[in-house]
Amino acid sequence: MTTKKMFISVGKRSLLSNIVVSQIEEAIRSKVLVPGAKLPSELGLCQQFGVSRTAIREALRTLSGRGLLSIIKGKGIFVQNISAETVTDPIQRYLEMQLQRDYVLDVVHARQIIEPPIAASAALHHTTEDAEKLKADQHELVHSEGDYEELSRLDMLFHLDIAKASENSLIPLILEPIHRLIPQIKSSVYATIVDAKKSAVEWHEKILTAILSKDAEGARTAMIRHLEIAEQHTEQMLQKKQRTKKN
């Protein structure tokens, strides 16, 4: 039985694995290969591309690292289902590796630039389902008796759900990798600042009220003030850590 050839031989040029990556990635982007589709075996790919098994394996590692392929031992090579995590995981890894140790305030400042207009957009465009999710988030934070990590998770969930409520599919993808840097920061803030939870509950409520009222300017203004206080709390947390190190 002859296997249908879907890729073009790349010949004897340099960086063969990169050419293989480009062709397979384009096949996925153009829906020639759909999620769940099984690719030919390594040997089959070698024959189709006209390259060595080493080049194929390098290409498959790259595509797997990008979240485009899943390589299951004994079963084969499959196209992954694309999710938000597929897109944002590499960005998060990049930020973690590139940011310096003092990135904490950079994260807060980035949020101050990005999140107020997102809150305004959520006020204008949220659905009934979005509204119910935000109310549930707020209720859970108010009544949480969890540890600092749990409070941090609930805090960030509310903000990410605001991004989703903007009804712009790109906004959560932009915000999520930044938010994944926050749990450790927020946990430290909750552990250090006595009224941090009270402040979060108070300002989340103001933001939520403005969003539910479709008050875009009110939502934007409340988010600005909320993140100004978050900056103050973060600075206080960092100062306390610095004093602890000196003692």
Protein backbone atom coordinates (compact mmCIF):
# COMPACT_ATOMS: atom_id res chain seq x y z
CA MET A 1 0.00 0.00 0.00
CA THR A 2 1.42 3.40 -1.04
CA THR A 3 1.32 6.12 1.61
CA LYS A 4 -0.05 9.41 0.32
CA LYS A 5 2.70 12.02 0.21
CA MET A 6 1.74 15.33 1.85
CA PHE A 7 5.16 16.97 2.21
CA ILE A 8 7.80 18.13 -0.30
CA SER A 9 11.35 16.78 -0.21
CA VAL A 10 13.69 19.45 1.15
CA GLY A 11 16.84 18.06 -0.48
CA LYS A 12 20.33 18.60 0.93
CA ARG A 13 20.08 22.17 2.21
CA SER A 14 21.23 23.44 5.60
CA LEU A 15 18.99 23.66 8.66
CA LEU A 16 16.86 20.82 7.34
CA SER A 17 14.98 20.40 10.58
CA ASN A 18 13.79 24.04 10.39
CA ILE A 19 12.42 23.44 6.89
CA VAL A 20 10.61 20.33 8.14
CA VAL A 21 9.17 22.37 11.03
CA SER A 22 7.94 25.07 8.64
CA GLN A 23 6.18 22.62 6.32
CA ILE A 24 4.45 20.69 9.10
CA GLU A 25 3.46 23.91 10.91
CA GLU A 26 1.99 25.32 7.70
CA ALA A 27 0.03 22.09 7.16
CA ILE A 28 -1.45 22.52 10.64
CA ARG A 29 -2.21 26.23 10.17
CA SER A 30 -3.91 25.62 6.82
CA LYS A 31 -5.98 22.74 8.29
CA VAL A 32 -4.40 20.16 5.97
CA LEU A 33 -3.57 18.50 9.28
CA VAL A 34 -6.39 18.91 11.80
CA PRO A 35 -6.29 18.33 15.59
CA GLY A 36 -6.10 14.61 16.30
CA ALA A 37 -4.69 13.75 12.87
CA LYS A 38 -1.93 11.15 12.87
CA LEU A 39 1.27 11.91 10.98
CA PRO A 40 3.36 9.33 9.16
CA SER A 41 5.98 7.50 11.23
CA GLU A 42 9.50 8.90 11.60
CA LEU A 43 10.62 6.66 8.73
CA GLY A 44 7.67 7.79 6.61
CA LEU A 45 8.51 11.43 7.28
CA CYS A 46 12.17 10.78 6.40
CA GLN A 47 11.06 9.39 3.04
CA GLN A 48 8.64 12.23 2.31
CA PHE A 49 11.04 15.02 3.24
CA GLY A 50 14.16 13.30 1.95
CA VAL A 51 16.12 13.99 5.13
CA SER A 52 17.77 11.95 7.86
CA ARG A 53 16.01 10.64 10.94
CA THR A 54 18.10 13.08 13.01
CA ALA A 55 16.58 16.07 11.19
CA ILE A 56 13.06 14.62 11.61
CA ARG A 57 13.57 14.03 15.33
CA GLU A 58 14.87 17.56 15.84
CA ALA A 59 11.84 18.94 13.99
CA LEU A 60 9.42 16.80 16.00
CA ARG A 61 10.99 17.95 19.28
CA THR A 62 10.57 21.57 18.19
CA LEU A 63 6.94 21.10 17.18
CA SER A 64 6.18 19.18 20.35
CA GLY A 65 7.77 21.98 22.41
CA ARG A 66 5.51 24.49 20.66
CA GLY A 67 2.49 22.42 21.63
CA LEU A 68 1.59 21.57 18.02
CA LEU A 69 2.36 17.85 18.10
CA SER A 70 1.96 15.08 20.66
CA ILE A 71 4.35 12.14 20.39
CA ILE A 72 2.93 9.06 22.10
CA LYS A 73 5.29 6.13 22.42
CA GLY A 74 3.93 3.03 20.73
CA LYS A 75 1.02 4.91 19.16
CA GLY A 76 2.43 7.60 16.90
CA ILE A 77 2.67 11.32 16.21
CA PHE A 78 -0.54 13.35 16.48
CA VAL A 79 -1.60 16.97 15.93
CA GLN A 80 -2.44 18.58 19.26
CA ASN A 81 -5.65 20.40 20.04
CA ILE A 82 -4.72 24.09 20.29
CA SER A 83 -5.67 25.71 23.60
CA ALA A 84 -4.93 28.97 25.38
CA GLU A 85 -2.20 27.15 27.31
CA THR A 86 -0.59 26.04 24.04
CA VAL A 87 -0.21 29.66 23.02
CA THR A 88 0.63 31.25 26.36
CA ASP A 89 2.95 28.65 27.91
CA PRO A 90 5.93 29.60 25.69
CA ILE A 91 5.35 33.30 26.44
CA GLN A 92 5.25 32.60 30.17
CA ARG A 93 8.47 30.58 29.94
CA TYR A 94 10.12 33.40 28.01
CA LEU A 95 9.08 36.00 30.59
CA GLU A 96 10.29 33.83 33.46
CA MET A 97 13.69 33.33 31.83
CA GLN A 98 14.19 36.88 30.56
CA LEU A 99 12.92 38.97 33.44
CA GLN A 100 15.41 40.00 36.07
CA ARG A 101 14.94 39.22 39.74
CA ASP A 102 13.37 42.63 40.34
CA TYR A 103 10.58 42.00 37.84
CA VAL A 104 7.87 42.19 40.52
CA LEU A 105 7.03 45.86 40.04
CA ASP A 106 7.36 45.50 36.26
CA VAL A 107 4.48 43.01 36.42
CA VAL A 108 2.35 45.46 38.42
CA HIS A 109 3.16 48.33 36.06
CA ALA A 110 2.31 46.21 33.01
CA ARG A 111 -1.06 45.42 34.56
CA GLN A 112 -1.69 49.13 35.20
CA ILE A 113 -1.23 49.80 31.50
CA ILE A 114 -3.26 46.86 30.23
CA GLU A 115 -6.11 46.12 32.63
CA PRO A 116 -8.07 49.40 33.04
CA PRO A 117 -9.19 49.50 29.37
CA ILE A 118 -9.96 45.78 29.58
CA ALA A 119 -12.32 46.46 32.49
CA ALA A 120 -13.98 49.23 30.44
CA SER A 121 -14.41 46.84 27.51
CA ALA A 122 -15.89 44.18 29.80
CA ALA A 123 -18.44 46.71 31.03
CA LEU A 124 -19.58 47.36 27.47
CA HIS A 125 -19.42 43.85 26.01
CA HIS A 126 -19.96 41.25 28.76
CA THR A 127 -22.64 38.60 28.38
CA THR A 128 -25.05 37.29 31.01
CA GLU A 129 -22.80 34.25 31.37
CA ASP A 130 -19.77 36.51 31.94
CA ALA A 131 -21.67 38.45 34.59
CA GLU A 132 -22.61 35.28 36.47
CA LYS A 133 -19.02 34.04 36.37
CA LEU A 134 -17.67 37.31 37.76
CA LYS A 135 -20.26 37.31 40.54
CA ALA A 136 -19.31 33.73 41.39
CA ASP A 137 -15.62 34.68 41.46
CA GLN A 138 -16.32 37.53 43.85
CA HIS A 139 -18.47 35.37 46.11
CA GLU A 140 -15.76 32.74 46.27
CA LEU A 141 -13.08 35.28 47.19
CA VAL A 142 -15.26 36.89 49.87
CA HIS A 143 -16.01 33.56 51.56
CA SER A 144 -12.65 31.87 51.01
CA GLU A 145 -10.92 30.54 54.10
CA GLY A 146 -8.07 29.11 52.08
CA ASP A 147 -4.38 29.81 52.41
CA TYR A 148 -2.51 32.66 50.72
CA GLU A 149 -2.01 30.64 47.53
CA GLU A 150 -5.75 30.01 47.27
CA LEU A 151 -6.52 33.70 47.80
CA SER A 152 -4.00 34.55 45.09
CA ARG A 153 -5.61 32.07 42.69
CA LEU A 154 -9.10 33.47 43.28
CA ASP A 155 -7.83 37.04 42.93
CA MET A 156 -6.25 36.32 39.54
CA LEU A 157 -9.25 34.30 38.37
CA PHE A 158 -11.46 37.36 38.75
CA HIS A 159 -9.09 39.45 36.64
CA LEU A 160 -8.76 36.81 33.93
CA ASP A 161 -12.52 36.44 33.77
CA ILE A 162 -12.79 40.21 33.28
CA ALA A 163 -10.46 39.78 30.30
CA LYS A 164 -12.72 37.05 28.92
CA ALA A 165 -15.75 39.26 29.53
CA SER A 166 -14.27 41.83 27.14
CA GLU A 167 -15.43 39.37 24.44
CA ASN A 168 -12.19 39.94 22.55
CA SER A 169 -10.51 36.58 22.06
CA LEU A 170 -7.00 38.07 21.98
CA ILE A 171 -7.21 39.86 25.33
CA PRO A 172 -7.02 36.77 27.61
CA LEU A 173 -4.10 35.46 25.55
CA ILE A 174 -2.24 38.74 26.12
CA LEU A 175 -3.01 38.89 29.83
CA GLU A 176 -2.67 35.23 30.86
CA PRO A 177 1.12 34.83 30.62
CA ILE A 178 1.56 37.98 32.71
CA HIS A 179 -0.91 36.70 35.27
CA ARG A 180 0.93 33.40 35.54
CA LEU A 181 3.86 35.33 36.99
CA ILE A 182 1.65 36.76 39.75
CA PRO A 183 0.67 33.90 42.16
CA GLN A 184 3.94 33.97 44.08
CA ILE A 185 3.83 37.78 44.24
CA LYS A 186 0.22 37.88 45.41
CA SER A 187 0.77 35.09 47.94
CA SER A 188 3.60 37.13 49.49
CA VAL A 189 1.42 40.25 49.54
CA TYR A 190 -1.44 38.41 51.26
CA ALA A 191 1.03 36.99 53.78
CA THR A 192 2.60 40.39 54.48
CA ILE A 193 -0.19 42.99 54.25
CA VAL A 194 -2.82 42.57 56.94
CA ASP A 195 -5.70 44.17 55.02
CA ALA A 196 -4.75 42.87 51.56
CA LYS A 197 -7.76 40.56 51.28
CA LYS A 198 -10.13 43.27 52.56
CA SER A 199 -8.79 45.68 49.95
CA ALA A 200 -9.07 43.12 47.14
CA VAL A 201 -12.68 42.31 48.08
CA GLU A 202 -13.60 46.00 48.30
CA TRP A 203 -12.13 46.98 44.93
CA HIS A 204 -13.25 43.85 43.13
CA GLU A 205 -16.77 44.72 44.27
CA LYS A 206 -16.46 48.25 42.88
CA ILE A 207 -15.11 46.96 39.58
CA LEU A 208 -17.83 44.31 39.40
CA THR A 209 -20.60 46.83 40.15
CA ALA A 210 -19.38 49.12 37.37
CA ILE A 211 -19.12 46.24 34.88
CA LEU A 212 -22.62 44.95 35.70
CA SER A 213 -23.95 48.51 35.34
CA LYS A 214 -22.26 48.81 31.93
CA ASP A 215 -20.35 51.80 33.31
CA ALA A 216 -17.16 51.65 31.25
CA GLU A 217 -15.55 54.74 32.78
CA GLY A 218 -16.43 53.60 36.29
CA ALA A 219 -14.89 50.17 35.64
CA ARG A 220 -11.75 51.72 34.18
CA THR A 221 -11.36 54.16 37.09
CA ALA A 222 -11.96 51.49 39.72
CA MET A 223 -9.38 49.21 38.11
CA ILE A 224 -6.84 52.04 38.04
CA ARG A 225 -7.29 52.66 41.78
CA HIS A 226 -7.27 48.93 42.57
CA LEU A 227 -3.93 48.47 40.81
CA GLU A 228 -2.48 51.61 42.42
CA ILE A 229 -3.21 50.04 45.81
CA ALA A 230 -1.77 46.73 44.54
CA GLU A 231 1.44 48.60 43.71
CA GLN A 232 1.57 50.12 47.19
CA HIS A 233 1.04 46.71 48.79
CA THR A 234 3.72 45.17 46.58
CA GLU A 235 6.23 47.88 47.52
CA GLN A 236 5.45 47.34 51.21
CA MET A 237 5.95 43.59 50.79
CA LEU A 238 9.31 44.10 49.04
CA GLN A 239 10.47 46.56 51.71
CA LYS A 240 9.58 44.11 54.47
CA LYS A 241 11.46 41.31 52.69
CA GLN A 242 14.48 43.58 52.33
CA ARG A 243 14.43 44.45 56.03
CA THR A 244 14.16 40.75 56.90
CA LYS A 245 17.23 39.94 54.79
CA LYS A 246 19.28 42.62 56.55
CA ASN A 247 18.37 41.34 60.04
